[in-house]
C-alpha atoms as a PDB file:
ATOM      1  CA  MET A   1       7.886 -15.492  -7.462  1.00  0.00           C
ATOM      2  CA  LYS A   2       8.106 -12.927  -4.957  1.00  0.00           C
ATOM      3  CA  VAL A   3       5.212 -12.305  -2.815  1.00  0.00           C
ATOM      4  CA  THR A   4       5.240  -8.211  -1.140  1.00  0.00           C
ATOM      5  CA  MET A   5       3.430  -7.325   1.625  1.00  0.00           C
ATOM      6  CA  ASP A   6       1.851  -3.786   1.756  1.00  0.00           C
ATOM      7  CA  GLU A   7       2.030  -1.365   4.971  1.00  0.00           C
ATOM      8  CA  ASP A   8       1.244  -4.399   7.042  1.00  0.00           C
ATOM      9  CA  GLU A   9       4.564  -6.140   7.569  1.00  0.00           C
ATOM     10  CA  PHE A  10       4.817  -9.411   9.274  1.00  0.00           C
ATOM     11  CA  HIS A  11       5.517  -9.608  12.935  1.00  0.00           C
ATOM     12  CA  GLU A  12       5.227 -12.452  15.280  1.00  0.00           C
ATOM     13  CA  GLU A  13       2.796 -12.384  17.866  1.00  0.00           C
ATOM     14  CA  SER A  14       4.115 -12.549  21.355  1.00  0.00           C
ATOM     15  CA  PRO A  15       2.688 -14.399  24.045  1.00  0.00           C
ATOM     16  CA  VAL A  16       0.646 -11.022  25.595  1.00  0.00           C
ATOM     17  CA  GLU A  17      -0.899 -10.723  22.235  1.00  0.00           C
ATOM     18  CA  LYS A  18      -2.213 -14.046  22.069  1.00  0.00           C
ATOM     19  CA  SER A  19      -3.435 -14.218  25.832  1.00  0.00           C
ATOM     20  CA  ILE A  20      -5.148 -10.617  25.189  1.00  0.00           C
ATOM     21  CA  ASN A  21      -6.464 -12.122  21.694  1.00  0.00           C
ATOM     22  CA  VAL A  22      -8.006 -15.259  23.797  1.00  0.00           C
ATOM     23  CA  TRP A  23      -9.285 -12.724  26.284  1.00  0.00           C
ATOM     24  CA  ARG A  24     -11.120 -10.735  23.976  1.00  0.00           C
ATOM     25  CA  GLN A  25     -12.995 -13.811  22.183  1.00  0.00           C
ATOM     26  CA  SER A  26     -14.041 -15.101  25.458  1.00  0.00           C
ATOM     27  CA  GLU A  27     -15.452 -11.456  26.405  1.00  0.00           C
ATOM     28  CA  ARG A  28     -17.023 -11.052  23.232  1.00  0.00           C
ATOM     29  CA  LYS A  29     -18.638 -14.346  23.427  1.00  0.00           C
ATOM     30  CA  ILE A  30     -19.901 -13.421  26.950  1.00  0.00           C
ATOM     31  CA  MET A  31     -21.441 -10.091  25.395  1.00  0.00           C
ATOM     32  CA  ILE A  32     -23.160 -11.763  22.281  1.00  0.00           C
ATOM     33  CA  ASP A  33     -24.763 -14.414  24.582  1.00  0.00           C
ATOM     34  CA  THR A  34     -25.854 -11.383  27.229  1.00  0.00           C
ATOM     35  CA  ILE A  35     -27.353  -9.582  24.124  1.00  0.00           C
ATOM     36  CA  GLN A  36     -28.938 -12.427  22.533  1.00  0.00           C
ATOM     37  CA  ASP A  37     -30.800 -13.031  25.784  1.00  0.00           C
ATOM     38  CA  LEU A  38     -31.640  -9.315  26.167  1.00  0.00           C
ATOM     39  CA  ILE A  39     -32.779  -9.740  22.704  1.00  0.00           C
ATOM     40  CA  GLN A  40     -35.157 -12.388  23.524  1.00  0.00           C
ATOM     41  CA  THR A  41     -36.565 -10.813  27.150  1.00  0.00           C
ATOM     42  CA  SER A  42     -37.073  -7.655  24.915  1.00  0.00           C
ATOM     43  CA  HIS A  43     -39.117  -9.518  22.035  1.00  0.00           C
ATOM     44  CA  LYS A  44     -40.952 -11.253  24.947  1.00  0.00           C
ATOM     45  CA  TYR A  45     -41.834  -8.003  26.246  1.00  0.00           C
ATOM     46  CA  SER A  46     -43.084  -6.419  23.134  1.00  0.00           C
ATOM     47  CA  LYS A  47     -45.167  -9.266  22.085  1.00  0.00           C
ATOM     48  CA  SER A  48     -46.703  -9.723  25.560  1.00  0.00           C
ATOM     49  CA  GLN A  49     -50.550  -9.071  26.026  1.00  0.00           C
ATOM     50  CA  TYR A  50     -49.640  -8.038  29.773  1.00  0.00           C
ATOM     51  CA  THR A  51     -47.414  -5.151  28.757  1.00  0.00           C
ATOM     52  CA  PRO A  52     -48.975  -1.685  27.956  1.00  0.00           C
ATOM     53  CA  GLN A  53     -49.449  -0.595  24.732  1.00  0.00           C
ATOM     54  CA  ALA A  54     -47.120   2.623  24.843  1.00  0.00           C
ATOM     55  CA  GLN A  55     -44.219   0.573  25.990  1.00  0.00           C
ATOM     56  CA  ARG A  56     -44.347  -2.088  23.285  1.00  0.00           C
ATOM     57  CA  ALA A  57     -43.125   0.416  21.039  1.00  0.00           C
ATOM     58  CA  ARG A  58     -40.237   0.881  23.538  1.00  0.00           C
ATOM     59  CA  TRP A  59     -39.556  -2.712  23.830  1.00  0.00           C
ATOM     60  CA  THR A  60     -39.632  -3.607  19.838  1.00  0.00           C
ATOM     61  CA  LYS A  61     -37.130  -0.005  19.417  1.00  0.00           C
ATOM     62  CA  LEU A  62     -34.788  -1.963  22.150  1.00  0.00           C
ATOM     63  CA  ALA A  63     -34.875  -5.017  20.372  1.00  0.00           C
ATOM     64  CA  GLY A  64     -33.834  -3.902  16.881  1.00  0.00           C
ATOM     65  CA  GLN A  65     -30.861  -1.684  18.246  1.00  0.00           C
ATOM     66  CA  LEU A  66     -30.008  -4.860  20.562  1.00  0.00           C
ATOM     67  CA  ILE A  67     -29.991  -6.699  17.274  1.00  0.00           C
ATOM     68  CA  TRP A  68     -27.405  -4.149  15.157  1.00  0.00           C
ATOM     69  CA  TYR A  69     -25.048  -3.973  18.396  1.00  0.00           C
ATOM     70  CA  LYS A  70     -24.657  -7.577  18.080  1.00  0.00           C
ATOM     71  CA  ASP A  71     -24.350  -7.409  14.233  1.00  0.00           C
ATOM     72  CA  GLN A  72     -21.733  -4.665  15.093  1.00  0.00           C
ATOM     73  CA  ILE A  73     -19.871  -7.375  17.383  1.00  0.00           C
ATOM     74  CA  LEU A  74     -20.188 -10.186  15.324  1.00  0.00           C
ATOM     75  CA  LYS A  75     -18.487  -8.024  12.443  1.00  0.00           C
ATOM     76  CA  SER A  76     -15.461  -6.955  14.611  1.00  0.00           C
ATOM     77  CA  PHE A  77     -15.217 -10.592  15.518  1.00  0.00           C
ATOM     78  CA  SER A  78     -14.912 -11.610  11.952  1.00  0.00           C
ATOM     79  CA  LEU A  79     -12.662  -8.811  11.166  1.00  0.00           C
ATOM     80  CA  GLU A  80      -9.988  -9.742  14.133  1.00  0.00           C
ATOM     81  CA  ALA A  81     -10.521 -13.589  12.927  1.00  0.00           C
ATOM     82  CA  LEU A  82      -9.396 -12.953   9.469  1.00  0.00           C
ATOM     83  CA  THR A  83      -6.687 -10.439  10.792  1.00  0.00           C
ATOM     84  CA  ILE A  84      -5.553 -13.419  12.632  1.00  0.00           C
ATOM     85  CA  GLN A  85      -6.001 -15.968   9.562  1.00  0.00           C
ATOM     86  CA  LEU A  86      -4.014 -13.259   7.548  1.00  0.00           C
ATOM     87  CA  GLN A  87      -1.137 -13.150   9.980  1.00  0.00           C
ATOM     88  CA  ALA A  88      -0.825 -17.103   9.941  1.00  0.00           C
ATOM     89  CA  LEU A  89      -1.056 -17.127   5.969  1.00  0.00           C
ATOM     90  CA  GLN A  90       1.674 -14.453   5.881  1.00  0.00           C
ATOM     91  CA  LYS A  91       3.630 -16.598   8.320  1.00  0.00           C
ATOM     92  CA  LYS A  92       3.589 -19.368   6.323  1.00  0.00           C
ATOM     93  CA  VAL A  93       4.734 -17.194   2.826  1.00  0.00           C
ATOM     94  CA  VAL A  94       7.850 -16.516   4.451  1.00  0.00           C
ATOM     95  CA  GLU A  95       8.527 -19.461   5.627  1.00  0.00           C
ATOM     96  CA  SER A  96       7.834 -21.084   2.497  1.00  0.00           C
ATOM     97  CA  GLN A  97      10.149 -18.241   0.543  1.00  0.00           C
ATOM     98  CA  GLU A  98      13.021 -18.940   3.124  1.00  0.00           C
ATOM     99  CA  GLN A  99      12.680 -22.586   2.492  1.00  0.00           C
ATOM    100  CA  ARG A 100      12.872 -22.112  -1.446  1.00  0.00           C
ATOM    101  CA  GLU A 101      15.935 -19.946  -0.908  1.00  0.00           C
ATOM    102  CA  ARG A 102      17.869 -22.576   1.469  1.00  0.00           C
ATOM    103  CA  GLN A 103      16.692 -25.479  -1.222  1.00  0.00           C
ATOM    104  CA  SER A 104      18.068 -23.403  -3.943  1.00  0.00           C
ATOM    105  CA  ALA A 105      21.406 -22.261  -2.248  1.00  0.00           C
ATOM    106  CA  SER A 106      22.043 -26.062  -1.646  1.00  0.00           C
ATOM    107  CA  ARG A 107      21.510 -27.377  -4.541  1.00  0.00           C
ATOM    108  CA  ASN A 108      24.640 -28.071  -6.565  1.00  0.00           C
ATOM    109  CA  TYR A 109      23.797 -28.622 -10.325  1.00  0.00           C
ATOM    110  CA  PRO A 110      26.537 -30.570 -12.665  1.00  0.00           C
ATOM    111  CA  THR A 111      28.351 -28.319 -15.234  1.00  0.00           C
ATOM    112  CA  ILE A 112      26.702 -29.921 -18.792  1.00  0.00           C
ATOM    113  CA  VAL A 113      29.163 -29.713 -21.395  1.00  0.00           C
ATOM    114  CA  PHE A 114      28.243 -30.843 -25.136  1.00  0.00           C
ATOM    115  CA  PRO A 115      31.425 -31.505 -27.024  1.00  0.00           C
ATOM    116  CA  LYS A 116      31.195 -30.298 -30.914  1.00  0.00           C
ATOM    117  CA  PRO A 117      30.671 -32.825 -33.378  1.00  0.00           C
ATOM    118  CA  GLU A 118      32.933 -30.873 -36.058  1.00  0.00           C
ATOM    119  CA  ARG A 119      35.703 -30.974 -33.870  1.00  0.00           C
ATOM    120  CA  LYS A 120      36.085 -34.598 -33.635  1.00  0.00           C
ATOM    121  CA  ALA A 121      35.662 -34.990 -37.457  1.00  0.00           C
ATOM    122  CA  GLU A 122      38.623 -32.100 -37.894  1.00  0.00           C
ATOM    123  CA  ASP A 123      40.783 -33.942 -35.331  1.00  0.00           C
ATOM    124  CA  ALA A 124      40.133 -37.421 -36.883  1.00  0.00           C
ATOM    125  CA  ASP A 125      41.304 -35.552 -40.095  1.00  0.00           C
ATOM    126  CA  LYS A 126      44.107 -33.980 -38.469  1.00  0.00           C
ATOM    127  CA  ALA A 127      45.266 -37.726 -37.293  1.00  0.00           C
ATOM    128  CA  GLN A 128      44.916 -39.151 -40.495  1.00  0.00           C
ATOM    129  CA  ASP A 129      47.092 -36.813 -42.198  1.00  0.00           C
ATOM    130  CA  GLU A 130      49.559 -36.955 -39.481  1.00  0.00           C
ATOM    131  CA  GLU A 131      49.718 -40.592 -39.905  1.00  0.00           C
ATOM    132  CA  SER A 132      49.973 -40.507 -43.599  1.00  0.00           C
ATOM    133  CA  ALA A 133      53.054 -37.731 -43.140  1.00  0.00           C
ATOM    134  CA  GLU A 134      54.690 -40.094 -41.121  1.00  0.00           C
ATOM    135  CA  ALA A 135      54.134 -43.144 -43.363  1.00  0.00           C
ATOM    136  CA  GLY A 136      56.271 -41.018 -45.714  1.00  0.00           C
ATOM    137  CA  ASP A 137      53.651 -40.042 -48.241  1.00  0.00           C
ATOM    138  CA  PRO A 138      54.556 -36.466 -50.137  1.00  0.00           C
ATOM    139  CA  GLU A 139      50.652 -35.967 -50.931  1.00  0.00           C
ATOM    140  CA  GLY A 140      49.665 -36.273 -47.034  1.00  0.00           C
ATOM    141  CA  ALA A 141      52.621 -33.924 -46.068  1.00  0.00           C
ATOM    142  CA  LYS A 142      51.122 -31.428 -48.734  1.00  0.00           C
ATOM    143  CA  GLU A 143      47.430 -31.628 -47.467  1.00  0.00           C
ATOM    144  CA  VAL A 144      48.716 -31.091 -44.117  1.00  0.00           C
ATOM    145  CA  ALA A 145      50.724 -28.104 -45.252  1.00  0.00           C
ATOM    146  CA  LYS A 146      47.594 -26.585 -47.035  1.00  0.00           C
ATOM    147  CA  LYS A 147      45.245 -27.125 -44.231  1.00  0.00           C
ATOM    148  CA  THR A 148      46.953 -25.214 -41.648  1.00  0.00           C
ATOM    149  CA  PRO A 149      46.254 -21.743 -41.511  1.00  0.00           C
ATOM    150  CA  GLU A 150      49.826 -20.450 -40.872  1.00  0.00           C
ATOM    151  CA  GLY A 151      50.879 -22.002 -44.360  1.00  0.00           C
ATOM    152  CA  PRO A 152      53.813 -23.587 -45.469  1.00  0.00           C
ATOM    153  CA  GLY A 153      57.210 -22.009 -44.418  1.00  0.00           C
ATOM    154  CA  ARG A 154      55.912 -19.742 -41.507  1.00  0.00           C
END
């Protein structure tokens, strides 16, 4: 079974790429926490009895925009997480293929030979014919001459 990868060829992440990904994740966490605080503040101001009526709509609109922005950040985070998981899976697939190739190359299969049963029977008949010919049996000698494909005198 061969597994092919499309345009995304498998490559190892360098330590620099790993550190950048860790930094992105930490920054994204800080951004999400900050946006969550802003969303809570905007909700609080939009529902407050002390906020003027004209500004309540603005605070509500801001809360909606912040929620959308937070959703976009979470989507990009999940996409990056899926990319990281895909790379790990590709690495496992490549390693398992290499391991299978090593195992199949290192196996030495014994050669299995099955003797033909009809040859044994013919060999036994020939042995009996030869014994009878040696004993001086003229009939046995004739049978041997008849069974050989070359025929008598050749």
